[in-house]
Amino acid sequence: MEYSDLITILDEGAGSKINRAAAIYQLIEQAPEKSRSDLLRTACEVWEDSEENGTISLENLIGEAELESLKKRYSKLVDGLLEGLLQVNPSEPLFYVQLWDILSSAILPDEKARYFALYWILIDARIPYFDLGEGMSMGNEQYKTVSRRIHMQRAHIRFAVKRSFEQKTQRASILLQELDSVSGEDRVVLMANLIGFLEHIGDIGKLLGGLTQLFTSSDS
């Protein structure tokens, strides 16, 4: 029953994001203890795709002015608590158990602080959480060896990053083609170079937008 009620709030709740988060917090808090982390996980996984303008009115517990006040008081605290949990890199089920422990702890002194904390976490780009593992690590000498081996591919992606295109999908498709031309550790190092080039010019967001458009057009 709690799960269906949660989905109803997410899909049909009418109200600001902070008040939708408050309704979600109240529902999770009232659920049996064994269900709370699973409900929190569902909220985190569904939040981004949920409807903002539903037909079921939610209680207006926090207005815009109070939201700004809560943000000034608690945003850095919540950021720090979330970052600390992410650094531990727990399993996905354990992450949501520990996240609920944080959200319901005395470090957040009252209900509105806890509602805000859930809201602030739900809109964080690092949510939902995934246990990605440690990825491929590589020593400096090995990295240099691979970089020398793929020097032409590195030059290609640098050129594609710098060159102007009419559409973001044009650049994205060329970069994907270049990444597909190599495999294994060569591809990892080439991707690392691409990320470095994009970070240098502040263009990662534009590339991701192009990739999204490219994948969407490929699916249709």
N, C-alpha and C. Protein backbone atom coordinates (compact mmCIF):
# COMPACT_ATOMS: atom_id res chain seq x y z
N MET A 1 0.84 -1.21 0.00
CA MET A 1 0.00 0.00 0.00
C MET A 1 0.87 1.26 0.00
N GLU A 2 1.96 1.24 0.79
CA GLU A 2 2.83 2.41 0.85
C GLU A 2 3.43 2.72 -0.51
N TYR A 3 3.79 1.64 -1.26
CA TYR A 3 4.41 1.84 -2.56
C TYR A 3 3.45 2.54 -3.52
N SER A 4 2.21 2.08 -3.57
CA SER A 4 1.22 2.69 -4.47
C SER A 4 0.93 4.13 -4.06
N ASP A 5 0.91 4.39 -2.75
CA ASP A 5 0.70 5.75 -2.28
C ASP A 5 1.86 6.65 -2.69
N LEU A 6 3.07 6.12 -2.62
CA LEU A 6 4.25 6.88 -3.03
C LEU A 6 4.18 7.23 -4.51
N ILE A 7 3.85 6.27 -5.34
CA ILE A 7 3.74 6.51 -6.78
C ILE A 7 2.64 7.53 -7.06
N THR A 8 1.57 7.48 -6.30
CA THR A 8 0.49 8.45 -6.47
C THR A 8 0.99 9.86 -6.20
N ILE A 9 1.77 10.04 -5.14
CA ILE A 9 2.34 11.36 -4.85
C ILE A 9 3.25 11.80 -5.99
N LEU A 10 4.09 10.90 -6.46
CA LEU A 10 5.05 11.25 -7.50
C LEU A 10 4.37 11.56 -8.83
N ASP A 11 3.34 10.81 -9.16
CA ASP A 11 2.71 10.96 -10.48
C ASP A 11 1.53 11.92 -10.49
N GLU A 12 0.88 12.07 -9.35
CA GLU A 12 -0.37 12.84 -9.36
C GLU A 12 -0.39 13.99 -8.36
N GLY A 13 0.65 14.11 -7.54
CA GLY A 13 0.68 15.17 -6.54
C GLY A 13 0.85 16.53 -7.18
N ALA A 14 -0.01 17.48 -6.82
CA ALA A 14 0.05 18.85 -7.34
C ALA A 14 0.63 19.76 -6.26
N GLY A 15 1.75 20.37 -6.56
CA GLY A 15 2.39 21.23 -5.58
C GLY A 15 3.85 21.42 -5.93
N SER A 16 4.49 22.31 -5.19
CA SER A 16 5.91 22.57 -5.43
C SER A 16 6.75 21.33 -5.10
N LYS A 17 7.97 21.32 -5.59
CA LYS A 17 8.85 20.18 -5.35
C LYS A 17 9.12 19.98 -3.86
N ILE A 18 9.28 21.06 -3.13
CA ILE A 18 9.57 20.93 -1.71
C ILE A 18 8.38 20.32 -0.98
N ASN A 19 7.16 20.67 -1.37
CA ASN A 19 5.99 20.10 -0.71
C ASN A 19 5.72 18.67 -1.15
N ARG A 20 6.11 18.32 -2.36
CA ARG A 20 6.02 16.93 -2.78
C ARG A 20 7.04 16.11 -1.99
N ALA A 21 8.22 16.66 -1.79
CA ALA A 21 9.23 15.96 -0.98
C ALA A 21 8.74 15.80 0.46
N ALA A 22 8.07 16.82 0.99
CA ALA A 22 7.54 16.74 2.35
C ALA A 22 6.50 15.62 2.46
N ALA A 23 5.63 15.51 1.46
CA ALA A 23 4.61 14.45 1.47
C ALA A 23 5.27 13.08 1.39
N ILE A 24 6.32 12.98 0.59
CA ILE A 24 7.04 11.70 0.48
C ILE A 24 7.70 11.35 1.81
N TYR A 25 8.32 12.35 2.45
CA TYR A 25 8.96 12.10 3.74
C TYR A 25 7.94 11.59 4.76
N GLN A 26 6.79 12.24 4.83
CA GLN A 26 5.77 11.83 5.78
C GLN A 26 5.31 10.40 5.53
N LEU A 27 5.13 10.06 4.26
CA LEU A 27 4.71 8.70 3.93
C LEU A 27 5.76 7.67 4.37
N ILE A 28 7.03 7.95 4.07
CA ILE A 28 8.09 7.01 4.43
C ILE A 28 8.20 6.88 5.95
N GLU A 29 8.10 8.02 6.64
CA GLU A 29 8.22 8.02 8.10
C GLU A 29 7.13 7.18 8.75
N GLN A 30 5.93 7.18 8.17
CA GLN A 30 4.80 6.46 8.74
C GLN A 30 4.76 4.99 8.33
N ALA A 31 5.61 4.60 7.38
CA ALA A 31 5.64 3.22 6.90
C ALA A 31 6.37 2.33 7.92
N PRO A 32 6.16 1.02 7.88
CA PRO A 32 6.92 0.11 8.73
C PRO A 32 8.42 0.30 8.50
N GLU A 33 9.18 0.14 9.56
CA GLU A 33 10.61 0.41 9.48
C GLU A 33 11.30 -0.39 8.38
N LYS A 34 10.89 -1.64 8.18
CA LYS A 34 11.54 -2.50 7.20
C LYS A 34 11.31 -2.03 5.76
N SER A 35 10.29 -1.18 5.56
CA SER A 35 9.95 -0.73 4.21
C SER A 35 10.57 0.62 3.86
N ARG A 36 11.10 1.32 4.83
CA ARG A 36 11.46 2.73 4.62
C ARG A 36 12.59 2.91 3.60
N SER A 37 13.62 2.11 3.70
CA SER A 37 14.73 2.29 2.76
C SER A 37 14.31 1.96 1.33
N ASP A 38 13.44 0.97 1.16
CA ASP A 38 12.96 0.63 -0.18
C ASP A 38 12.08 1.73 -0.75
N LEU A 39 11.25 2.33 0.09
CA LEU A 39 10.43 3.45 -0.37
C LEU A 39 11.30 4.65 -0.74
N LEU A 40 12.32 4.90 0.06
CA LEU A 40 13.24 6.00 -0.23
C LEU A 40 13.95 5.75 -1.56
N ARG A 41 14.37 4.53 -1.77
CA ARG A 41 15.04 4.19 -3.04
C ARG A 41 14.11 4.42 -4.22
N THR A 42 12.88 4.00 -4.09
CA THR A 42 11.91 4.20 -5.17
C THR A 42 11.71 5.69 -5.44
N ALA A 43 11.58 6.48 -4.39
CA ALA A 43 11.42 7.92 -4.56
C ALA A 43 12.61 8.52 -5.30
N CYS A 44 13.81 8.11 -4.94
CA CYS A 44 15.01 8.63 -5.59
C CYS A 44 15.10 8.21 -7.06
N GLU A 45 14.65 7.00 -7.35
CA GLU A 45 14.75 6.49 -8.71
C GLU A 45 13.66 7.03 -9.63
N VAL A 46 12.51 7.39 -9.07
CA VAL A 46 11.37 7.80 -9.89
C VAL A 46 11.24 9.33 -9.95
N TRP A 47 11.82 10.03 -9.00
CA TRP A 47 11.62 11.47 -8.85
C TRP A 47 11.81 12.25 -10.14
N GLU A 48 12.89 12.02 -10.85
CA GLU A 48 13.23 12.82 -12.02
C GLU A 48 12.17 12.72 -13.12
N ASP A 49 11.54 11.57 -13.24
CA ASP A 49 10.54 11.35 -14.30
C ASP A 49 9.11 11.52 -13.82
N SER A 50 8.94 11.96 -12.59
CA SER A 50 7.58 12.10 -12.05
C SER A 50 6.93 13.39 -12.56
N GLU A 51 5.61 13.40 -12.48
CA GLU A 51 4.84 14.56 -12.95
C GLU A 51 4.83 15.67 -11.90
N GLU A 52 4.99 16.91 -12.35
CA GLU A 52 5.00 18.03 -11.42
C GLU A 52 3.62 18.66 -11.26
N ASN A 53 2.76 18.49 -12.23
CA ASN A 53 1.44 19.13 -12.18
C ASN A 53 0.35 18.07 -12.18
N GLY A 54 0.13 17.49 -11.01
CA GLY A 54 -0.87 16.45 -10.90
C GLY A 54 -2.23 17.00 -10.54
N THR A 55 -3.10 16.10 -10.17
CA THR A 55 -4.49 16.47 -9.86
C THR A 55 -4.82 16.36 -8.38
N ILE A 56 -3.90 15.79 -7.60
CA ILE A 56 -4.15 15.64 -6.16
C ILE A 56 -3.41 16.73 -5.40
N SER A 57 -4.13 17.59 -4.72
CA SER A 57 -3.52 18.70 -3.99
C SER A 57 -2.75 18.19 -2.79
N LEU A 58 -1.54 18.69 -2.64
CA LEU A 58 -0.71 18.35 -1.49
C LEU A 58 -0.67 19.53 -0.53
N GLU A 59 -0.50 19.25 0.73
CA GLU A 59 -0.47 20.30 1.74
C GLU A 59 0.70 21.24 1.49
N ASN A 60 0.41 22.53 1.55
CA ASN A 60 1.44 23.55 1.33
C ASN A 60 2.15 23.85 2.65
N LEU A 61 3.15 23.06 2.95
CA LEU A 61 3.85 23.16 4.23
C LEU A 61 4.98 24.18 4.21
N ILE A 62 5.61 24.36 3.04
CA ILE A 62 6.78 25.23 2.94
C ILE A 62 6.62 26.11 1.71
N GLY A 63 6.61 27.42 1.93
CA GLY A 63 6.52 28.37 0.82
C GLY A 63 7.89 28.71 0.27
N GLU A 64 7.92 29.54 -0.77
CA GLU A 64 9.17 29.88 -1.43
C GLU A 64 10.14 30.61 -0.51
N ALA A 65 9.63 31.56 0.28
CA ALA A 65 10.50 32.32 1.17
C ALA A 65 11.13 31.41 2.22
N GLU A 66 10.32 30.50 2.78
CA GLU A 66 10.85 29.59 3.80
C GLU A 66 11.82 28.60 3.17
N LEU A 67 11.56 28.21 1.93
CA LEU A 67 12.49 27.31 1.23
C LEU A 67 13.86 27.97 1.10
N GLU A 68 13.89 29.23 0.74
CA GLU A 68 15.16 29.94 0.62
C GLU A 68 15.87 30.01 1.97
N SER A 69 15.10 30.22 3.03
CA SER A 69 15.69 30.25 4.37
C SER A 69 16.27 28.90 4.74
N LEU A 70 15.54 27.82 4.46
CA LEU A 70 16.03 26.47 4.74
C LEU A 70 17.28 26.16 3.92
N LYS A 71 17.30 26.63 2.68
CA LYS A 71 18.45 26.40 1.82
C LYS A 71 19.71 27.05 2.41
N LYS A 72 19.57 28.27 2.89
CA LYS A 72 20.71 28.97 3.48
C LYS A 72 21.20 28.26 4.74
N ARG A 73 20.28 27.70 5.50
CA ARG A 73 20.64 27.08 6.78
C ARG A 73 21.18 25.66 6.62
N TYR A 74 20.63 24.90 5.68
CA TYR A 74 20.91 23.47 5.69
C TYR A 74 21.52 22.88 4.41
N SER A 75 21.60 23.65 3.33
CA SER A 75 22.07 23.05 2.07
C SER A 75 23.50 22.53 2.18
N LYS A 76 24.39 23.30 2.79
CA LYS A 76 25.79 22.86 2.92
C LYS A 76 25.90 21.64 3.83
N LEU A 77 25.10 21.61 4.88
CA LEU A 77 25.10 20.46 5.79
C LEU A 77 24.65 19.20 5.04
N VAL A 78 23.55 19.31 4.30
CA VAL A 78 23.05 18.14 3.56
C VAL A 78 24.04 17.71 2.50
N ASP A 79 24.64 18.67 1.80
CA ASP A 79 25.67 18.34 0.81
C ASP A 79 26.81 17.55 1.45
N GLY A 80 27.24 17.99 2.62
CA GLY A 80 28.34 17.32 3.30
C GLY A 80 27.97 15.92 3.76
N LEU A 81 26.76 15.77 4.28
CA LEU A 81 26.31 14.45 4.72
C LEU A 81 26.20 13.48 3.55
N LEU A 82 25.65 13.96 2.43
CA LEU A 82 25.53 13.10 1.25
C LEU A 82 26.90 12.75 0.69
N GLU A 83 27.79 13.72 0.63
CA GLU A 83 29.13 13.46 0.11
C GLU A 83 29.86 12.45 0.98
N GLY A 84 29.71 12.57 2.29
CA GLY A 84 30.34 11.61 3.19
C GLY A 84 29.84 10.20 2.95
N LEU A 85 28.54 10.05 2.72
CA LEU A 85 27.98 8.72 2.46
C LEU A 85 28.46 8.19 1.11
N LEU A 86 28.53 9.06 0.11
CA LEU A 86 29.00 8.63 -1.21
C LEU A 86 30.45 8.17 -1.17
N GLN A 87 31.25 8.82 -0.35
CA GLN A 87 32.67 8.46 -0.25
C GLN A 87 32.86 7.05 0.31
N VAL A 88 31.92 6.61 1.13
CA VAL A 88 31.99 5.25 1.69
C VAL A 88 31.74 4.21 0.61
N ASN A 89 30.97 4.59 -0.41
CA ASN A 89 30.66 3.72 -1.56
C ASN A 89 30.01 2.41 -1.12
N PRO A 90 28.90 2.49 -0.39
CA PRO A 90 28.24 1.25 0.07
C PRO A 90 27.51 0.56 -1.08
N SER A 91 26.99 -0.62 -0.82
CA SER A 91 26.12 -1.27 -1.80
C SER A 91 24.86 -0.42 -1.96
N GLU A 92 24.13 -0.63 -3.03
CA GLU A 92 22.94 0.19 -3.27
C GLU A 92 21.88 0.02 -2.18
N PRO A 93 21.54 -1.21 -1.75
CA PRO A 93 20.56 -1.32 -0.66
C PRO A 93 21.02 -0.65 0.63
N LEU A 94 22.31 -0.82 0.97
CA LEU A 94 22.82 -0.23 2.20
C LEU A 94 22.85 1.28 2.12
N PHE A 95 23.12 1.82 0.93
CA PHE A 95 23.13 3.27 0.77
C PHE A 95 21.80 3.87 1.22
N TYR A 96 20.69 3.28 0.79
CA TYR A 96 19.38 3.86 1.12
C TYR A 96 19.00 3.64 2.58
N VAL A 97 19.50 2.56 3.19
CA VAL A 97 19.32 2.38 4.63
C VAL A 97 20.04 3.50 5.37
N GLN A 98 21.28 3.75 5.00
CA GLN A 98 22.07 4.76 5.68
C GLN A 98 21.57 6.17 5.35
N LEU A 99 21.08 6.36 4.14
CA LEU A 99 20.54 7.68 3.78
C LEU A 99 19.31 8.00 4.62
N TRP A 100 18.45 7.01 4.83
CA TRP A 100 17.28 7.27 5.68
C TRP A 100 17.70 7.53 7.12
N ASP A 101 18.72 6.84 7.59
CA ASP A 101 19.24 7.10 8.93
C ASP A 101 19.66 8.56 9.07
N ILE A 102 20.29 9.09 8.02
CA ILE A 102 20.71 10.50 8.04
C ILE A 102 19.50 11.42 8.03
N LEU A 103 18.56 11.14 7.14
CA LEU A 103 17.39 12.02 6.99
C LEU A 103 16.53 12.06 8.24
N SER A 104 16.52 10.99 9.00
CA SER A 104 15.66 10.92 10.19
C SER A 104 16.44 11.14 11.48
N SER A 105 17.69 11.57 11.37
CA SER A 105 18.53 11.71 12.57
C SER A 105 18.35 13.07 13.23
N ALA A 106 18.86 13.18 14.44
CA ALA A 106 18.73 14.41 15.22
C ALA A 106 19.62 15.53 14.68
N ILE A 107 20.52 15.22 13.76
CA ILE A 107 21.36 16.27 13.18
C ILE A 107 20.51 17.26 12.38
N LEU A 108 19.35 16.80 11.94
CA LEU A 108 18.36 17.69 11.32
C LEU A 108 17.30 17.95 12.38
N PRO A 109 17.23 19.15 12.94
CA PRO A 109 16.55 19.37 14.23
C PRO A 109 15.04 19.33 14.22
N ASP A 110 14.40 19.51 13.06
CA ASP A 110 12.93 19.51 13.06
C ASP A 110 12.42 18.97 11.74
N GLU A 111 11.10 18.86 11.65
CA GLU A 111 10.49 18.25 10.48
C GLU A 111 10.80 19.00 9.19
N LYS A 112 10.73 20.31 9.23
CA LYS A 112 10.95 21.07 8.01
C LYS A 112 12.39 20.95 7.53
N ALA A 113 13.32 20.86 8.46
CA ALA A 113 14.71 20.63 8.07
C ALA A 113 14.85 19.28 7.38
N ARG A 114 14.11 18.28 7.84
CA ARG A 114 14.16 16.95 7.25
C ARG A 114 13.46 16.92 5.89
N TYR A 115 12.34 17.64 5.79
CA TYR A 115 11.68 17.74 4.49
C TYR A 115 12.63 18.38 3.47
N PHE A 116 13.28 19.45 3.90
CA PHE A 116 14.22 20.13 2.99
C PHE A 116 15.37 19.19 2.61
N ALA A 117 15.89 18.45 3.59
CA ALA A 117 17.02 17.56 3.30
C ALA A 117 16.64 16.52 2.25
N LEU A 118 15.44 15.96 2.36
CA LEU A 118 15.00 15.00 1.34
C LEU A 118 14.86 15.69 0.00
N TYR A 119 14.25 16.86 -0.03
CA TYR A 119 14.12 17.62 -1.28
C TYR A 119 15.49 17.88 -1.90
N TRP A 120 16.43 18.33 -1.10
CA TRP A 120 17.76 18.70 -1.60
C TRP A 120 18.50 17.48 -2.15
N ILE A 121 18.27 16.34 -1.54
CA ILE A 121 18.88 15.10 -2.03
C ILE A 121 18.19 14.62 -3.31
N LEU A 122 16.87 14.73 -3.37
CA LEU A 122 16.14 14.26 -4.55
C LEU A 122 16.52 15.03 -5.80
N ILE A 123 16.89 16.30 -5.68
CA ILE A 123 17.24 17.09 -6.85
C ILE A 123 18.74 17.06 -7.13
N ASP A 124 19.50 16.32 -6.34
CA ASP A 124 20.95 16.22 -6.55
C ASP A 124 21.24 15.33 -7.76
N ALA A 125 22.19 15.74 -8.59
CA ALA A 125 22.53 14.98 -9.80
C ALA A 125 23.14 13.62 -9.49
N ARG A 126 23.58 13.41 -8.25
CA ARG A 126 24.17 12.12 -7.88
C ARG A 126 23.13 11.12 -7.37
N ILE A 127 21.88 11.50 -7.48
CA ILE A 127 20.75 10.64 -7.08
C ILE A 127 19.93 10.33 -8.31
N PRO A 128 19.52 9.11 -8.56
CA PRO A 128 19.69 7.93 -7.71
C PRO A 128 21.15 7.47 -7.65
N TYR A 129 21.45 6.75 -6.60
CA TYR A 129 22.80 6.25 -6.34
C TYR A 129 23.02 4.92 -7.05
N PHE A 130 24.25 4.76 -7.57
CA PHE A 130 24.64 3.49 -8.19
C PHE A 130 26.01 3.07 -7.65
N ASP A 131 26.14 1.82 -7.35
CA ASP A 131 27.43 1.27 -6.94
C ASP A 131 28.19 0.91 -8.22
N LEU A 132 29.03 1.82 -8.67
CA LEU A 132 29.72 1.67 -9.95
C LEU A 132 31.03 0.90 -9.84
N GLY A 133 31.44 0.55 -8.63
CA GLY A 133 32.74 -0.08 -8.49
C GLY A 133 33.85 0.95 -8.61
N GLU A 134 35.06 0.49 -8.71
CA GLU A 134 36.22 1.39 -8.72
C GLU A 134 36.68 1.75 -10.12
N GLY A 135 36.22 1.02 -11.13
CA GLY A 135 36.67 1.33 -12.49
C GLY A 135 38.10 0.89 -12.73
N MET A 136 38.60 1.15 -13.91
CA MET A 136 39.95 0.74 -14.29
C MET A 136 40.97 1.76 -13.78
N SER A 137 41.95 1.29 -13.02
CA SER A 137 43.04 2.16 -12.59
C SER A 137 44.27 1.86 -13.45
N MET A 138 45.16 2.84 -13.58
CA MET A 138 46.28 2.70 -14.50
C MET A 138 47.45 3.54 -13.99
N GLY A 139 48.63 2.96 -13.96
CA GLY A 139 49.82 3.69 -13.56
C GLY A 139 50.22 4.73 -14.59
N ASN A 140 51.04 5.70 -14.17
CA ASN A 140 51.43 6.79 -15.06
C ASN A 140 52.15 6.29 -16.31
N GLU A 141 53.06 5.32 -16.15
CA GLU A 141 53.82 4.84 -17.30
C GLU A 141 52.92 4.11 -18.29
N GLN A 142 52.00 3.31 -17.78
CA GLN A 142 51.07 2.62 -18.67
C GLN A 142 50.18 3.62 -19.39
N TYR A 143 49.74 4.64 -18.67
CA TYR A 143 48.89 5.67 -19.28
C TYR A 143 49.64 6.37 -20.41
N LYS A 144 50.91 6.69 -20.17
CA LYS A 144 51.71 7.35 -21.20
C LYS A 144 51.90 6.45 -22.42
N THR A 145 52.14 5.16 -22.16
CA THR A 145 52.32 4.21 -23.27
C THR A 145 51.07 4.13 -24.14
N VAL A 146 49.92 4.01 -23.49
CA VAL A 146 48.66 3.93 -24.24
C VAL A 146 48.41 5.24 -24.97
N SER A 147 48.69 6.37 -24.32
CA SER A 147 48.47 7.67 -24.94
C SER A 147 49.29 7.83 -26.21
N ARG A 148 50.54 7.35 -26.16
CA ARG A 148 51.38 7.43 -27.36
C ARG A 148 50.81 6.54 -28.48
N ARG A 149 50.28 5.39 -28.08
CA ARG A 149 49.75 4.44 -29.07
C ARG A 149 48.53 5.01 -29.80
N ILE A 150 47.75 5.83 -29.13
CA ILE A 150 46.51 6.34 -29.72
C ILE A 150 46.63 7.84 -30.01
N HIS A 151 47.84 8.29 -30.32
CA HIS A 151 48.04 9.73 -30.47
C HIS A 151 47.20 10.32 -31.60
N MET A 152 46.96 9.58 -32.67
CA MET A 152 46.15 10.11 -33.76
C MET A 152 44.68 10.20 -33.37
N GLN A 153 44.18 9.19 -32.65
CA GLN A 153 42.79 9.27 -32.17
C GLN A 153 42.61 10.44 -31.20
N ARG A 154 43.62 10.67 -30.37
CA ARG A 154 43.56 11.80 -29.45
C ARG A 154 43.52 13.11 -30.22
N ALA A 155 44.30 13.19 -31.29
CA ALA A 155 44.30 14.39 -32.12
C ALA A 155 42.95 14.59 -32.79
N HIS A 156 42.33 13.48 -33.22
CA HIS A 156 41.02 13.56 -33.86
C HIS A 156 39.97 14.13 -32.91
N ILE A 157 39.93 13.61 -31.69
CA ILE A 157 38.89 14.09 -30.78
C ILE A 157 39.17 15.52 -30.33
N ARG A 158 40.44 15.89 -30.20
CA ARG A 158 40.75 17.28 -29.86
C ARG A 158 40.26 18.22 -30.96
N PHE A 159 40.49 17.81 -32.21
CA PHE A 159 40.03 18.62 -33.34
C PHE A 159 38.51 18.71 -33.36
N ALA A 160 37.83 17.57 -33.11
CA ALA A 160 36.36 17.56 -33.13
C ALA A 160 35.79 18.40 -32.00
N VAL A 161 36.47 18.42 -30.86
CA VAL A 161 36.01 19.24 -29.74
C VAL A 161 36.15 20.73 -30.06
N LYS A 162 37.23 21.10 -30.75
CA LYS A 162 37.50 22.51 -31.03
C LYS A 162 36.73 23.03 -32.24
N ARG A 163 36.45 22.17 -33.21
CA ARG A 163 35.80 22.61 -34.43
C ARG A 163 34.34 22.99 -34.17
N SER A 164 33.85 23.98 -34.93
CA SER A 164 32.45 24.39 -34.81
C SER A 164 31.56 23.51 -35.67
N PHE A 165 30.38 23.19 -35.13
CA PHE A 165 29.36 22.42 -35.85
C PHE A 165 28.02 23.15 -35.73
N GLU A 166 27.15 22.93 -36.69
CA GLU A 166 25.83 23.54 -36.64
C GLU A 166 24.97 22.90 -35.54
N GLN A 167 25.15 21.58 -35.35
CA GLN A 167 24.34 20.86 -34.37
C GLN A 167 25.24 20.09 -33.40
N LYS A 168 24.77 19.99 -32.17
CA LYS A 168 25.53 19.24 -31.15
C LYS A 168 25.63 17.77 -31.52
N THR A 169 24.60 17.24 -32.18
CA THR A 169 24.62 15.81 -32.52
C THR A 169 25.69 15.50 -33.55
N GLN A 170 26.07 16.48 -34.38
CA GLN A 170 27.14 16.24 -35.34
C GLN A 170 28.46 15.95 -34.62
N ARG A 171 28.78 16.81 -33.67
CA ARG A 171 30.01 16.62 -32.90
C ARG A 171 29.95 15.31 -32.10
N ALA A 172 28.78 15.06 -31.49
CA ALA A 172 28.64 13.86 -30.67
C ALA A 172 28.82 12.60 -31.50
N SER A 173 28.26 12.55 -32.69
CA SER A 173 28.36 11.35 -33.52
C SER A 173 29.80 11.10 -33.96
N ILE A 174 30.52 12.17 -34.25
CA ILE A 174 31.93 12.03 -34.64
C ILE A 174 32.77 11.53 -33.47
N LEU A 175 32.52 12.06 -32.29
CA LEU A 175 33.27 11.62 -31.11
C LEU A 175 32.95 10.17 -30.78
N LEU A 176 31.69 9.78 -30.88
CA LEU A 176 31.32 8.38 -30.64
C LEU A 176 32.00 7.46 -31.65
N GLN A 177 32.05 7.89 -32.89
CA GLN A 177 32.72 7.07 -33.92
C GLN A 177 34.19 6.88 -33.59
N GLU A 178 34.82 7.93 -33.08
CA GLU A 178 36.24 7.83 -32.74
C GLU A 178 36.44 6.91 -31.53
N LEU A 179 35.56 7.00 -30.54
CA LEU A 179 35.66 6.12 -29.39
C LEU A 179 35.44 4.67 -29.79
N ASP A 180 34.55 4.44 -30.74
CA ASP A 180 34.27 3.07 -31.20
C ASP A 180 35.41 2.48 -32.01
N SER A 181 36.35 3.33 -32.43
CA SER A 181 37.46 2.83 -33.25
C SER A 181 38.53 2.11 -32.43
N VAL A 182 38.44 2.23 -31.11
CA VAL A 182 39.41 1.56 -30.23
C VAL A 182 38.64 0.77 -29.17
N SER A 183 39.34 -0.05 -28.42
CA SER A 183 38.69 -0.86 -27.40
C SER A 183 39.61 -1.04 -26.20
N GLY A 184 39.08 -1.64 -25.14
CA GLY A 184 39.88 -1.95 -23.95
C GLY A 184 40.49 -0.71 -23.33
N GLU A 185 41.75 -0.83 -22.91
CA GLU A 185 42.40 0.27 -22.22
C GLU A 185 42.62 1.46 -23.15
N ASP A 186 42.75 1.22 -24.47
CA ASP A 186 42.88 2.33 -25.41
C ASP A 186 41.63 3.22 -25.36
N ARG A 187 40.47 2.58 -25.31
CA ARG A 187 39.22 3.34 -25.28
C ARG A 187 39.08 4.11 -23.97
N VAL A 188 39.51 3.50 -22.86
CA VAL A 188 39.43 4.17 -21.56
C VAL A 188 40.30 5.42 -21.56
N VAL A 189 41.52 5.31 -22.06
CA VAL A 189 42.42 6.46 -22.09
C VAL A 189 41.91 7.52 -23.06
N LEU A 190 41.37 7.10 -24.20
CA LEU A 190 40.82 8.06 -25.15
C LEU A 190 39.65 8.81 -24.53
N MET A 191 38.80 8.11 -23.78
CA MET A 191 37.69 8.76 -23.10
C MET A 191 38.21 9.73 -22.05
N ALA A 192 39.25 9.34 -21.34
CA ALA A 192 39.85 10.23 -20.33
C ALA A 192 40.36 11.50 -20.99
N ASN A 193 40.96 11.37 -22.16
CA ASN A 193 41.41 12.55 -22.89
C ASN A 193 40.25 13.43 -23.31
N LEU A 194 39.18 12.80 -23.78
CA LEU A 194 38.00 13.55 -24.19
C LEU A 194 37.42 14.33 -23.02
N ILE A 195 37.31 13.68 -21.88
CA ILE A 195 36.79 14.37 -20.69
C ILE A 195 37.70 15.55 -20.33
N GLY A 196 39.02 15.32 -20.43
CA GLY A 196 39.96 16.39 -20.13
C GLY A 196 39.81 17.58 -21.06
N PHE A 197 39.66 17.31 -22.36
CA PHE A 197 39.47 18.39 -23.32
C PHE A 197 38.20 19.17 -23.02
N LEU A 198 37.12 18.45 -22.72
CA LEU A 198 35.83 19.10 -22.48
C LEU A 198 35.83 19.89 -21.17
N GLU A 199 36.49 19.35 -20.15
CA GLU A 199 36.58 20.08 -18.88
C GLU A 199 37.36 21.37 -19.07
N HIS A 200 38.38 21.33 -19.93
CA HIS A 200 39.22 22.50 -20.15
C HIS A 200 38.44 23.64 -20.78
N ILE A 201 37.49 23.31 -21.66
CA ILE A 201 36.72 24.36 -22.33
C ILE A 201 35.31 24.50 -21.76
N GLY A 202 35.00 23.71 -20.72
CA GLY A 202 33.69 23.81 -20.08
C GLY A 202 32.56 23.39 -20.98
N ASP A 203 32.75 22.35 -21.77
CA ASP A 203 31.78 21.98 -22.80
C ASP A 203 31.12 20.63 -22.55
N ILE A 204 31.27 20.04 -21.36
CA ILE A 204 30.71 18.71 -21.11
C ILE A 204 29.19 18.72 -21.22
N GLY A 205 28.55 19.75 -20.70
CA GLY A 205 27.09 19.82 -20.77
C GLY A 205 26.59 19.84 -22.20
N LYS A 206 27.27 20.58 -23.06
CA LYS A 206 26.87 20.64 -24.46
C LYS A 206 27.03 19.28 -25.14
N LEU A 207 28.13 18.59 -24.83
CA LEU A 207 28.32 17.27 -25.43
C LEU A 207 27.22 16.31 -24.98
N LEU A 208 26.91 16.32 -23.68
CA LEU A 208 25.87 15.42 -23.19
C LEU A 208 24.53 15.73 -23.83
N GLY A 209 24.27 17.00 -24.08
CA GLY A 209 23.05 17.36 -24.78
C GLY A 209 23.02 16.79 -26.18
N GLY A 210 24.16 16.85 -26.86
CA GLY A 210 24.25 16.28 -28.19
C GLY A 210 24.09 14.79 -28.19
N LEU A 211 24.69 14.11 -27.21
CA LEU A 211 24.56 12.66 -27.11
C LEU A 211 23.11 12.27 -26.87
N THR A 212 22.42 13.02 -26.01
CA THR A 212 21.01 12.72 -25.73
C THR A 212 20.18 12.84 -26.99
N GLN A 213 20.41 13.90 -27.74
CA GLN A 213 19.66 14.08 -28.99
C GLN A 213 19.97 12.96 -29.97
N LEU A 214 21.24 12.57 -30.02
CA LEU A 214 21.66 11.53 -30.95
C LEU A 214 21.00 10.20 -30.62
N PHE A 215 21.01 9.81 -29.34
CA PHE A 215 20.40 8.56 -28.94
C PHE A 215 18.89 8.58 -29.15
N THR A 216 18.27 9.75 -28.88
CA THR A 216 16.83 9.86 -29.06
C THR A 216 16.44 9.69 -30.52
N SER A 217 17.21 10.33 -31.41
CA SER A 217 16.89 10.22 -32.84
C SER A 217 17.16 8.83 -33.35
N SER A 218 18.13 8.12 -32.76
CA SER A 218 18.44 6.74 -33.18
C SER A 218 17.33 5.79 -32.79
N ASP A 219 16.66 6.06 -31.65
CA ASP A 219 15.61 5.17 -31.17
C ASP A 219 14.31 5.34 -31.93
N SER A 220 14.12 6.51 -32.53
CA SER A 220 12.84 6.79 -33.18
C SER A 220 12.79 6.24 -34.60
